[in-house]
Amino acid sequence: QRGDADFFFITGADALEQILTWKDADE
């Protein structure tokens, strides 16, 4: 939708600690 935007993804610290287990985390 917004191809020219630089994205920052805001999330809770508890979720961020689990990010490497998220779907397609490498991307």
mmCIF file of all heavy atoms, coordinates in Angstrom:
data_MODEL
# 
_entry.id   MODEL 
# 
loop_
_atom_site.group_PDB 
_atom_site.id 
_atom_site.type_symbol 
_atom_site.label_atom_id 
_atom_site.label_alt_id 
_atom_site.label_comp_id 
_atom_site.label_asym_id 
_atom_site.label_entity_id 
_atom_site.label_seq_id 
_atom_site.pdbx_PDB_ins_code 
_atom_site.Cartn_x 
_atom_site.Cartn_y 
_atom_site.Cartn_z 
_atom_site.occupancy 
_atom_site.B_iso_or_equiv 
_atom_site.pdbx_formal_charge 
_atom_site.auth_seq_id 
_atom_site.auth_comp_id 
_atom_site.auth_asym_id 
_atom_site.auth_atom_id 
_atom_site.pdbx_PDB_model_num 
ATOM 1   N N   . GLN A 1 1  ? 0.817  -1.216  0.000  1.00 0.00 ? 1  GLN A N   1 
ATOM 2   C CA  . GLN A 1 1  ? 0.000  0.000   0.000  1.00 0.00 ? 1  GLN A CA  1 
ATOM 3   C C   . GLN A 1 1  ? 0.850  1.265   0.000  1.00 0.00 ? 1  GLN A C   1 
ATOM 4   O O   . GLN A 1 1  ? 0.450  2.273   -0.563 1.00 0.00 ? 1  GLN A O   1 
ATOM 5   C CB  . GLN A 1 1  ? -0.892 0.043   1.247  1.00 0.00 ? 1  GLN A CB  1 
ATOM 6   C CG  . GLN A 1 1  ? -1.966 -0.994  1.279  1.00 0.00 ? 1  GLN A CG  1 
ATOM 7   C CD  . GLN A 1 1  ? -2.735 -0.985  2.603  1.00 0.00 ? 1  GLN A CD  1 
ATOM 8   O OE1 . GLN A 1 1  ? -2.472 -0.178  3.493  1.00 0.00 ? 1  GLN A OE1 1 
ATOM 9   N NE2 . GLN A 1 1  ? -3.688 -1.875  2.723  1.00 0.00 ? 1  GLN A NE2 1 
ATOM 10  N N   . ARG A 1 2  ? 1.991  1.224   0.655  1.00 0.00 ? 2  ARG A N   1 
ATOM 11  C CA  . ARG A 1 2  ? 2.827  2.413   0.860  1.00 0.00 ? 2  ARG A CA  1 
ATOM 12  C C   . ARG A 1 2  ? 4.279  2.064   0.577  1.00 0.00 ? 2  ARG A C   1 
ATOM 13  O O   . ARG A 1 2  ? 5.134  2.172   1.462  1.00 0.00 ? 2  ARG A O   1 
ATOM 14  C CB  . ARG A 1 2  ? 2.692  2.908   2.297  1.00 0.00 ? 2  ARG A CB  1 
ATOM 15  C CG  . ARG A 1 2  ? 1.270  3.237   2.684  1.00 0.00 ? 2  ARG A CG  1 
ATOM 16  C CD  . ARG A 1 2  ? 1.166  3.354   4.187  1.00 0.00 ? 2  ARG A CD  1 
ATOM 17  N NE  . ARG A 1 2  ? -0.192 3.587   4.607  1.00 0.00 ? 2  ARG A NE  1 
ATOM 18  C CZ  . ARG A 1 2  ? -0.590 4.654   5.281  1.00 0.00 ? 2  ARG A CZ  1 
ATOM 19  N NH1 . ARG A 1 2  ? 0.273  5.582   5.601  1.00 0.00 ? 2  ARG A NH1 1 
ATOM 20  N NH2 . ARG A 1 2  ? -1.838 4.782   5.634  1.00 0.00 ? 2  ARG A NH2 1 
ATOM 21  N N   . GLY A 1 3  ? 4.534  1.661   -0.626 1.00 0.00 ? 3  GLY A N   1 
ATOM 22  C CA  . GLY A 1 3  ? 5.843  1.161   -1.018 1.00 0.00 ? 3  GLY A CA  1 
ATOM 23  C C   . GLY A 1 3  ? 7.019  2.073   -0.757 1.00 0.00 ? 3  GLY A C   1 
ATOM 24  O O   . GLY A 1 3  ? 8.143  1.608   -0.603 1.00 0.00 ? 3  GLY A O   1 
ATOM 25  N N   . ASP A 1 4  ? 6.794  3.367   -0.691 1.00 0.00 ? 4  ASP A N   1 
ATOM 26  C CA  . ASP A 1 4  ? 7.909  4.293   -0.513 1.00 0.00 ? 4  ASP A CA  1 
ATOM 27  C C   . ASP A 1 4  ? 8.211  4.592   0.953  1.00 0.00 ? 4  ASP A C   1 
ATOM 28  O O   . ASP A 1 4  ? 9.131  5.331   1.265  1.00 0.00 ? 4  ASP A O   1 
ATOM 29  C CB  . ASP A 1 4  ? 7.615  5.606   -1.248 1.00 0.00 ? 4  ASP A CB  1 
ATOM 30  C CG  . ASP A 1 4  ? 6.346  6.284   -0.750 1.00 0.00 ? 4  ASP A CG  1 
ATOM 31  O OD1 . ASP A 1 4  ? 5.485  5.604   -0.165 1.00 0.00 ? 4  ASP A OD1 1 
ATOM 32  O OD2 . ASP A 1 4  ? 6.224  7.503   -0.968 1.00 0.00 ? 4  ASP A OD2 1 
ATOM 33  N N   . ALA A 1 5  ? 7.479  4.001   1.866  1.00 0.00 ? 5  ALA A N   1 
ATOM 34  C CA  . ALA A 1 5  ? 7.636  4.298   3.294  1.00 0.00 ? 5  ALA A CA  1 
ATOM 35  C C   . ALA A 1 5  ? 8.757  3.479   3.920  1.00 0.00 ? 5  ALA A C   1 
ATOM 36  O O   . ALA A 1 5  ? 9.021  2.345   3.523  1.00 0.00 ? 5  ALA A O   1 
ATOM 37  C CB  . ALA A 1 5  ? 6.329  4.025   4.031  1.00 0.00 ? 5  ALA A CB  1 
ATOM 38  N N   . ASP A 1 6  ? 9.413  4.079   4.908  1.00 0.00 ? 6  ASP A N   1 
ATOM 39  C CA  . ASP A 1 6  ? 10.342 3.357   5.774  1.00 0.00 ? 6  ASP A CA  1 
ATOM 40  C C   . ASP A 1 6  ? 9.530  2.952   6.994  1.00 0.00 ? 6  ASP A C   1 
ATOM 41  O O   . ASP A 1 6  ? 8.967  3.803   7.680  1.00 0.00 ? 6  ASP A O   1 
ATOM 42  C CB  . ASP A 1 6  ? 11.506 4.255   6.205  1.00 0.00 ? 6  ASP A CB  1 
ATOM 43  C CG  . ASP A 1 6  ? 12.440 4.581   5.055  1.00 0.00 ? 6  ASP A CG  1 
ATOM 44  O OD1 . ASP A 1 6  ? 12.628 3.726   4.171  1.00 0.00 ? 6  ASP A OD1 1 
ATOM 45  O OD2 . ASP A 1 6  ? 12.990 5.694   5.059  1.00 0.00 ? 6  ASP A OD2 1 
ATOM 46  N N   . PHE A 1 7  ? 9.457  1.655   7.268  1.00 0.00 ? 7  PHE A N   1 
ATOM 47  C CA  . PHE A 1 7  ? 8.601  1.173   8.346  1.00 0.00 ? 7  PHE A CA  1 
ATOM 48  C C   . PHE A 1 7  ? 9.363  0.949   9.644  1.00 0.00 ? 7  PHE A C   1 
ATOM 49  O O   . PHE A 1 7  ? 10.476 0.435   9.642  1.00 0.00 ? 7  PHE A O   1 
ATOM 50  C CB  . PHE A 1 7  ? 7.905  -0.128  7.937  1.00 0.00 ? 7  PHE A CB  1 
ATOM 51  C CG  . PHE A 1 7  ? 6.843  0.071   6.903  1.00 0.00 ? 7  PHE A CG  1 
ATOM 52  C CD1 . PHE A 1 7  ? 7.082  -0.221  5.578  1.00 0.00 ? 7  PHE A CD1 1 
ATOM 53  C CD2 . PHE A 1 7  ? 5.604  0.571   7.261  1.00 0.00 ? 7  PHE A CD2 1 
ATOM 54  C CE1 . PHE A 1 7  ? 6.106  -0.019  4.614  1.00 0.00 ? 7  PHE A CE1 1 
ATOM 55  C CE2 . PHE A 1 7  ? 4.611  0.782   6.314  1.00 0.00 ? 7  PHE A CE2 1 
ATOM 56  C CZ  . PHE A 1 7  ? 4.872  0.485   4.992  1.00 0.00 ? 7  PHE A CZ  1 
ATOM 57  N N   . PHE A 1 8  ? 8.720  1.348   10.715 1.00 0.00 ? 8  PHE A N   1 
ATOM 58  C CA  . PHE A 1 8  ? 9.127  1.036   12.072 1.00 0.00 ? 8  PHE A CA  1 
ATOM 59  C C   . PHE A 1 8  ? 7.971  0.227   12.630 1.00 0.00 ? 8  PHE A C   1 
ATOM 60  O O   . PHE A 1 8  ? 6.821  0.628   12.495 1.00 0.00 ? 8  PHE A O   1 
ATOM 61  C CB  . PHE A 1 8  ? 9.310  2.316   12.898 1.00 0.00 ? 8  PHE A CB  1 
ATOM 62  C CG  . PHE A 1 8  ? 10.545 3.091   12.552 1.00 0.00 ? 8  PHE A CG  1 
ATOM 63  C CD1 . PHE A 1 8  ? 10.659 3.747   11.340 1.00 0.00 ? 8  PHE A CD1 1 
ATOM 64  C CD2 . PHE A 1 8  ? 11.592 3.160   13.461 1.00 0.00 ? 8  PHE A CD2 1 
ATOM 65  C CE1 . PHE A 1 8  ? 11.789 4.463   11.019 1.00 0.00 ? 8  PHE A CE1 1 
ATOM 66  C CE2 . PHE A 1 8  ? 12.728 3.881   13.152 1.00 0.00 ? 8  PHE A CE2 1 
ATOM 67  C CZ  . PHE A 1 8  ? 12.833 4.540   11.926 1.00 0.00 ? 8  PHE A CZ  1 
ATOM 68  N N   . PHE A 1 9  ? 8.259  -0.903  13.245 1.00 0.00 ? 9  PHE A N   1 
ATOM 69  C CA  . PHE A 1 9  ? 7.196  -1.729  13.803 1.00 0.00 ? 9  PHE A CA  1 
ATOM 70  C C   . PHE A 1 9  ? 7.280  -1.647  15.315 1.00 0.00 ? 9  PHE A C   1 
ATOM 71  O O   . PHE A 1 9  ? 8.258  -2.088  15.917 1.00 0.00 ? 9  PHE A O   1 
ATOM 72  C CB  . PHE A 1 9  ? 7.312  -3.180  13.334 1.00 0.00 ? 9  PHE A CB  1 
ATOM 73  C CG  . PHE A 1 9  ? 6.098  -4.003  13.650 1.00 0.00 ? 9  PHE A CG  1 
ATOM 74  C CD1 . PHE A 1 9  ? 5.042  -4.071  12.757 1.00 0.00 ? 9  PHE A CD1 1 
ATOM 75  C CD2 . PHE A 1 9  ? 5.999  -4.689  14.851 1.00 0.00 ? 9  PHE A CD2 1 
ATOM 76  C CE1 . PHE A 1 9  ? 3.905  -4.815  13.045 1.00 0.00 ? 9  PHE A CE1 1 
ATOM 77  C CE2 . PHE A 1 9  ? 4.873  -5.437  15.149 1.00 0.00 ? 9  PHE A CE2 1 
ATOM 78  C CZ  . PHE A 1 9  ? 3.819  -5.497  14.246 1.00 0.00 ? 9  PHE A CZ  1 
ATOM 79  N N   . ILE A 1 10 ? 6.259  -1.080  15.928 1.00 0.00 ? 10 ILE A N   1 
ATOM 80  C CA  . ILE A 1 10 ? 6.219  -0.893  17.372 1.00 0.00 ? 10 ILE A CA  1 
ATOM 81  C C   . ILE A 1 10 ? 5.488  -2.081  17.990 1.00 0.00 ? 10 ILE A C   1 
ATOM 82  O O   . ILE A 1 10 ? 4.374  -2.407  17.588 1.00 0.00 ? 10 ILE A O   1 
ATOM 83  C CB  . ILE A 1 10 ? 5.484  0.416   17.740 1.00 0.00 ? 10 ILE A CB  1 
ATOM 84  C CG1 . ILE A 1 10 ? 6.090  1.605   16.999 1.00 0.00 ? 10 ILE A CG1 1 
ATOM 85  C CG2 . ILE A 1 10 ? 5.497  0.633   19.249 1.00 0.00 ? 10 ILE A CG2 1 
ATOM 86  C CD1 . ILE A 1 10 ? 5.229  2.873   17.037 1.00 0.00 ? 10 ILE A CD1 1 
ATOM 87  N N   . THR A 1 11 ? 6.121  -2.692  18.965 1.00 0.00 ? 11 THR A N   1 
ATOM 88  C CA  . THR A 1 11 ? 5.520  -3.840  19.633 1.00 0.00 ? 11 THR A CA  1 
ATOM 89  C C   . THR A 1 11 ? 5.976  -3.874  21.077 1.00 0.00 ? 11 THR A C   1 
ATOM 90  O O   . THR A 1 11 ? 6.920  -3.184  21.458 1.00 0.00 ? 11 THR A O   1 
ATOM 91  C CB  . THR A 1 11 ? 5.888  -5.160  18.905 1.00 0.00 ? 11 THR A CB  1 
ATOM 92  O OG1 . THR A 1 11 ? 5.129  -6.228  19.454 1.00 0.00 ? 11 THR A OG1 1 
ATOM 93  C CG2 . THR A 1 11 ? 7.367  -5.465  18.997 1.00 0.00 ? 11 THR A CG2 1 
ATOM 94  N N   . GLY A 1 12 ? 5.321  -4.671  21.873 1.00 0.00 ? 12 GLY A N   1 
ATOM 95  C CA  . GLY A 1 12 ? 5.717  -4.820  23.261 1.00 0.00 ? 12 GLY A CA  1 
ATOM 96  C C   . GLY A 1 12 ? 7.050  -5.535  23.375 1.00 0.00 ? 12 GLY A C   1 
ATOM 97  O O   . GLY A 1 12 ? 7.400  -6.375  22.541 1.00 0.00 ? 12 GLY A O   1 
ATOM 98  N N   . ALA A 1 13 ? 7.786  -5.194  24.429 1.00 0.00 ? 13 ALA A N   1 
ATOM 99  C CA  . ALA A 1 13 ? 9.088  -5.807  24.646 1.00 0.00 ? 13 ALA A CA  1 
ATOM 100 C C   . ALA A 1 13 ? 8.979  -7.318  24.780 1.00 0.00 ? 13 ALA A C   1 
ATOM 101 O O   . ALA A 1 13 ? 9.834  -8.055  24.288 1.00 0.00 ? 13 ALA A O   1 
ATOM 102 C CB  . ALA A 1 13 ? 9.737  -5.204  25.887 1.00 0.00 ? 13 ALA A CB  1 
ATOM 103 N N   . ASP A 1 14 ? 7.911  -7.791  25.423 1.00 0.00 ? 14 ASP A N   1 
ATOM 104 C CA  . ASP A 1 14 ? 7.735  -9.231  25.590 1.00 0.00 ? 14 ASP A CA  1 
ATOM 105 C C   . ASP A 1 14 ? 7.609  -9.922  24.232 1.00 0.00 ? 14 ASP A C   1 
ATOM 106 O O   . ASP A 1 14 ? 8.154  -11.002 24.020 1.00 0.00 ? 14 ASP A O   1 
ATOM 107 C CB  . ASP A 1 14 ? 6.540  -9.536  26.477 1.00 0.00 ? 14 ASP A CB  1 
ATOM 108 C CG  . ASP A 1 14 ? 5.255  -8.859  26.016 1.00 0.00 ? 14 ASP A CG  1 
ATOM 109 O OD1 . ASP A 1 14 ? 5.325  -7.888  25.246 1.00 0.00 ? 14 ASP A OD1 1 
ATOM 110 O OD2 . ASP A 1 14 ? 4.172  -9.307  26.440 1.00 0.00 ? 14 ASP A OD2 1 
ATOM 111 N N   . ALA A 1 15 ? 6.916  -9.291  23.308 1.00 0.00 ? 15 ALA A N   1 
ATOM 112 C CA  . ALA A 1 15 ? 6.786  -9.857  21.961 1.00 0.00 ? 15 ALA A CA  1 
ATOM 113 C C   . ALA A 1 15 ? 8.126  -9.808  21.229 1.00 0.00 ? 15 ALA A C   1 
ATOM 114 O O   . ALA A 1 15 ? 8.506  -10.764 20.543 1.00 0.00 ? 15 ALA A O   1 
ATOM 115 C CB  . ALA A 1 15 ? 5.724  -9.111  21.170 1.00 0.00 ? 15 ALA A CB  1 
ATOM 116 N N   . LEU A 1 16 ? 8.838  -8.705  21.379 1.00 0.00 ? 16 LEU A N   1 
ATOM 117 C CA  . LEU A 1 16 ? 10.119 -8.548  20.686 1.00 0.00 ? 16 LEU A CA  1 
ATOM 118 C C   . LEU A 1 16 ? 11.116 -9.619  21.126 1.00 0.00 ? 16 LEU A C   1 
ATOM 119 O O   . LEU A 1 16 ? 11.906 -10.106 20.319 1.00 0.00 ? 16 LEU A O   1 
ATOM 120 C CB  . LEU A 1 16 ? 10.689 -7.150  20.935 1.00 0.00 ? 16 LEU A CB  1 
ATOM 121 C CG  . LEU A 1 16 ? 11.912 -6.771  20.109 1.00 0.00 ? 16 LEU A CG  1 
ATOM 122 C CD1 . LEU A 1 16 ? 11.593 -6.807  18.619 1.00 0.00 ? 16 LEU A CD1 1 
ATOM 123 C CD2 . LEU A 1 16 ? 12.402 -5.391  20.501 1.00 0.00 ? 16 LEU A CD2 1 
ATOM 124 N N   . GLU A 1 17 ? 11.047 -10.014 22.382 1.00 0.00 ? 17 GLU A N   1 
ATOM 125 C CA  . GLU A 1 17 ? 11.954 -11.059 22.868 1.00 0.00 ? 17 GLU A CA  1 
ATOM 126 C C   . GLU A 1 17 ? 11.725 -12.387 22.151 1.00 0.00 ? 17 GLU A C   1 
ATOM 127 O O   . GLU A 1 17 ? 12.605 -13.229 22.116 1.00 0.00 ? 17 GLU A O   1 
ATOM 128 C CB  . GLU A 1 17 ? 11.788 -11.250 24.382 1.00 0.00 ? 17 GLU A CB  1 
ATOM 129 C CG  . GLU A 1 17 ? 12.373 -10.100 25.176 1.00 0.00 ? 17 GLU A CG  1 
ATOM 130 C CD  . GLU A 1 17 ? 12.181 -10.248 26.667 1.00 0.00 ? 17 GLU A CD  1 
ATOM 131 O OE1 . GLU A 1 17 ? 11.088 -10.682 27.099 1.00 0.00 ? 17 GLU A OE1 1 
ATOM 132 O OE2 . GLU A 1 17 ? 13.121 -9.914  27.399 1.00 0.00 ? 17 GLU A OE2 1 
ATOM 133 N N   . GLN A 1 18 ? 10.536 -12.556 21.553 1.00 0.00 ? 18 GLN A N   1 
ATOM 134 C CA  . GLN A 1 18 ? 10.193 -13.802 20.867 1.00 0.00 ? 18 GLN A CA  1 
ATOM 135 C C   . GLN A 1 18 ? 10.326 -13.709 19.352 1.00 0.00 ? 18 GLN A C   1 
ATOM 136 O O   . GLN A 1 18 ? 9.990  -14.654 18.638 1.00 0.00 ? 18 GLN A O   1 
ATOM 137 C CB  . GLN A 1 18 ? 8.742  -14.192 21.214 1.00 0.00 ? 18 GLN A CB  1 
ATOM 138 C CG  . GLN A 1 18 ? 8.466  -14.331 22.697 1.00 0.00 ? 18 GLN A CG  1 
ATOM 139 C CD  . GLN A 1 18 ? 9.307  -15.415 23.325 1.00 0.00 ? 18 GLN A CD  1 
ATOM 140 O OE1 . GLN A 1 18 ? 9.482  -16.484 22.763 1.00 0.00 ? 18 GLN A OE1 1 
ATOM 141 N NE2 . GLN A 1 18 ? 9.856  -15.128 24.503 1.00 0.00 ? 18 GLN A NE2 1 
ATOM 142 N N   . ILE A 1 19 ? 10.821 -12.592 18.840 1.00 0.00 ? 19 ILE A N   1 
ATOM 143 C CA  . ILE A 1 19 ? 10.759 -12.315 17.395 1.00 0.00 ? 19 ILE A CA  1 
ATOM 144 C C   . ILE A 1 19 ? 11.437 -13.384 16.537 1.00 0.00 ? 19 ILE A C   1 
ATOM 145 O O   . ILE A 1 19 ? 10.985 -13.663 15.425 1.00 0.00 ? 19 ILE A O   1 
ATOM 146 C CB  . ILE A 1 19 ? 11.294 -10.905 17.067 1.00 0.00 ? 19 ILE A CB  1 
ATOM 147 C CG1 . ILE A 1 19 ? 10.877 -10.493 15.656 1.00 0.00 ? 19 ILE A CG1 1 
ATOM 148 C CG2 . ILE A 1 19 ? 12.795 -10.833 17.273 1.00 0.00 ? 19 ILE A CG2 1 
ATOM 149 C CD1 . ILE A 1 19 ? 11.132 -9.030  15.335 1.00 0.00 ? 19 ILE A CD1 1 
ATOM 150 N N   . LEU A 1 20 ? 12.479 -13.994 17.040 1.00 0.00 ? 20 LEU A N   1 
ATOM 151 C CA  . LEU A 1 20 ? 13.173 -14.991 16.228 1.00 0.00 ? 20 LEU A CA  1 
ATOM 152 C C   . LEU A 1 20 ? 12.337 -16.258 16.023 1.00 0.00 ? 20 LEU A C   1 
ATOM 153 O O   . LEU A 1 20 ? 12.655 -17.078 15.158 1.00 0.00 ? 20 LEU A O   1 
ATOM 154 C CB  . LEU A 1 20 ? 14.532 -15.336 16.834 1.00 0.00 ? 20 LEU A CB  1 
ATOM 155 C CG  . LEU A 1 20 ? 15.532 -14.173 16.830 1.00 0.00 ? 20 LEU A CG  1 
ATOM 156 C CD1 . LEU A 1 20 ? 16.834 -14.581 17.505 1.00 0.00 ? 20 LEU A CD1 1 
ATOM 157 C CD2 . LEU A 1 20 ? 15.791 -13.659 15.414 1.00 0.00 ? 20 LEU A CD2 1 
ATOM 158 N N   . THR A 1 21 ? 11.240 -16.393 16.774 1.00 0.00 ? 21 THR A N   1 
ATOM 159 C CA  . THR A 1 21 ? 10.344 -17.544 16.595 1.00 0.00 ? 21 THR A CA  1 
ATOM 160 C C   . THR A 1 21 ? 9.161  -17.208 15.684 1.00 0.00 ? 21 THR A C   1 
ATOM 161 O O   . THR A 1 21 ? 8.346  -18.080 15.400 1.00 0.00 ? 21 THR A O   1 
ATOM 162 C CB  . THR A 1 21 ? 9.795  -18.032 17.957 1.00 0.00 ? 21 THR A CB  1 
ATOM 163 O OG1 . THR A 1 21 ? 8.946  -17.023 18.514 1.00 0.00 ? 21 THR A OG1 1 
ATOM 164 C CG2 . THR A 1 21 ? 10.919 -18.366 18.925 1.00 0.00 ? 21 THR A CG2 1 
ATOM 165 N N   . TRP A 1 22 ? 9.056  -15.957 15.240 1.00 0.00 ? 22 TRP A N   1 
ATOM 166 C CA  . TRP A 1 22 ? 7.935  -15.539 14.417 1.00 0.00 ? 22 TRP A CA  1 
ATOM 167 C C   . TRP A 1 22 ? 8.054  -16.106 13.009 1.00 0.00 ? 22 TRP A C   1 
ATOM 168 O O   . TRP A 1 22 ? 9.158  -16.397 12.530 1.00 0.00 ? 22 TRP A O   1 
ATOM 169 C CB  . TRP A 1 22 ? 7.857  -14.016 14.325 1.00 0.00 ? 22 TRP A CB  1 
ATOM 170 C CG  . TRP A 1 22 ? 7.536  -13.319 15.616 1.00 0.00 ? 22 TRP A CG  1 
ATOM 171 C CD1 . TRP A 1 22 ? 7.373  -13.873 16.850 1.00 0.00 ? 22 TRP A CD1 1 
ATOM 172 C CD2 . TRP A 1 22 ? 7.369  -11.919 15.799 1.00 0.00 ? 22 TRP A CD2 1 
ATOM 173 N NE1 . TRP A 1 22 ? 7.108  -12.907 17.777 1.00 0.00 ? 22 TRP A NE1 1 
ATOM 174 C CE2 . TRP A 1 22 ? 7.098  -11.692 17.159 1.00 0.00 ? 22 TRP A CE2 1 
ATOM 175 C CE3 . TRP A 1 22 ? 7.417  -10.828 14.938 1.00 0.00 ? 22 TRP A CE3 1 
ATOM 176 C CZ2 . TRP A 1 22 ? 6.876  -10.428 17.684 1.00 0.00 ? 22 TRP A CZ2 1 
ATOM 177 C CZ3 . TRP A 1 22 ? 7.201  -9.567  15.455 1.00 0.00 ? 22 TRP A CZ3 1 
ATOM 178 C CH2 . TRP A 1 22 ? 6.922  -9.369  16.813 1.00 0.00 ? 22 TRP A CH2 1 
ATOM 179 N N   . LYS A 1 23 ? 6.928  -16.216 12.332 1.00 0.00 ? 23 LYS A N   1 
ATOM 180 C CA  . LYS A 1 23 ? 6.889  -16.700 10.953 1.00 0.00 ? 23 LYS A CA  1 
ATOM 181 C C   . LYS A 1 23 ? 7.805  -15.843 10.075 1.00 0.00 ? 23 LYS A C   1 
ATOM 182 O O   . LYS A 1 23 ? 7.744  -14.606 10.110 1.00 0.00 ? 23 LYS A O   1 
ATOM 183 C CB  . LYS A 1 23 ? 5.454  -16.643 10.414 1.00 0.00 ? 23 LYS A CB  1 
ATOM 184 C CG  . LYS A 1 23 ? 5.335  -17.117 8.978  1.00 0.00 ? 23 LYS A CG  1 
ATOM 185 C CD  . LYS A 1 23 ? 3.920  -16.985 8.454  1.00 0.00 ? 23 LYS A CD  1 
ATOM 186 C CE  . LYS A 1 23 ? 3.858  -17.364 6.993  1.00 0.00 ? 23 LYS A CE  1 
ATOM 187 N NZ  . LYS A 1 23 ? 2.598  -16.971 6.391  1.00 0.00 ? 23 LYS A NZ  1 
ATOM 188 N N   . ASP A 1 24 ? 8.652  -16.486 9.280  1.00 0.00 ? 24 ASP A N   1 
ATOM 189 C CA  . ASP A 1 24 ? 9.572  -15.834 8.343  1.00 0.00 ? 24 ASP A CA  1 
ATOM 190 C C   . ASP A 1 24 ? 10.408 -14.748 9.035  1.00 0.00 ? 24 ASP A C   1 
ATOM 191 O O   . ASP A 1 24 ? 10.635 -13.668 8.485  1.00 0.00 ? 24 ASP A O   1 
ATOM 192 C CB  . ASP A 1 24 ? 8.814  -15.243 7.152  1.00 0.00 ? 24 ASP A CB  1 
ATOM 193 C CG  . ASP A 1 24 ? 8.104  -16.309 6.335  1.00 0.00 ? 24 ASP A CG  1 
ATOM 194 O OD1 . ASP A 1 24 ? 8.548  -17.489 6.342  1.00 0.00 ? 24 ASP A OD1 1 
ATOM 195 O OD2 . ASP A 1 24 ? 7.092  -15.986 5.690  1.00 0.00 ? 24 ASP A OD2 1 
ATOM 196 N N   . ALA A 1 25 ? 10.872 -15.050 10.244 1.00 0.00 ? 25 ALA A N   1 
ATOM 197 C CA  . ALA A 1 25 ? 11.629 -14.084 11.044 1.00 0.00 ? 25 ALA A CA  1 
ATOM 198 C C   . ALA A 1 25 ? 12.844 -13.542 10.298 1.00 0.00 ? 25 ALA A C   1 
ATOM 199 O O   . ALA A 1 25 ? 13.200 -12.368 10.462 1.00 0.00 ? 25 ALA A O   1 
ATOM 200 C CB  . ALA A 1 25 ? 12.067 -14.723 12.359 1.00 0.00 ? 25 ALA A CB  1 
ATOM 201 N N   . ASP A 1 26 ? 13.446 -14.370 9.458  1.00 0.00 ? 26 ASP A N   1 
ATOM 202 C CA  . ASP A 1 26 ? 14.635 -13.930 8.725  1.00 0.00 ? 26 ASP A CA  1 
ATOM 203 C C   . ASP A 1 26 ? 14.347 -12.766 7.776  1.00 0.00 ? 26 ASP A C   1 
ATOM 204 O O   . ASP A 1 26 ? 15.233 -11.997 7.436  1.00 0.00 ? 26 ASP A O   1 
ATOM 205 C CB  . ASP A 1 26 ? 15.250 -15.097 7.953  1.00 0.00 ? 26 ASP A CB  1 
ATOM 206 C CG  . ASP A 1 26 ? 14.251 -15.816 7.055  1.00 0.00 ? 26 ASP A CG  1 
ATOM 207 O OD1 . ASP A 1 26 ? 13.066 -15.912 7.433  1.00 0.00 ? 26 ASP A OD1 1 
ATOM 208 O OD2 . ASP A 1 26 ? 14.665 -16.274 5.972  1.00 0.00 ? 26 ASP A OD2 1 
ATOM 209 N N   . GLU A 1 27 ? 13.099 -12.591 7.363  1.00 0.00 ? 27 GLU A N   1 
ATOM 210 C CA  . GLU A 1 27 ? 12.726 -11.498 6.457  1.00 0.00 ? 27 GLU A CA  1 
ATOM 211 C C   . GLU A 1 27 ? 12.369 -10.206 7.185  1.00 0.00 ? 27 GLU A C   1 
ATOM 212 O O   . GLU A 1 27 ? 12.412 -9.122  6.603  1.00 0.00 ? 27 GLU A O   1 
ATOM 213 C CB  . GLU A 1 27 ? 11.515 -11.900 5.611  1.00 0.00 ? 27 GLU A CB  1 
ATOM 214 C CG  . GLU A 1 27 ? 11.751 -13.035 4.649  1.00 0.00 ? 27 GLU A CG  1 
ATOM 215 C CD  . GLU A 1 27 ? 10.481 -13.371 3.882  1.00 0.00 ? 27 GLU A CD  1 
ATOM 216 O OE1 . GLU A 1 27 ? 9.746  -12.434 3.492  1.00 0.00 ? 27 GLU A OE1 1 
ATOM 217 O OE2 . GLU A 1 27 ? 10.219 -14.568 3.672  1.00 0.00 ? 27 GLU A OE2 1 
# 
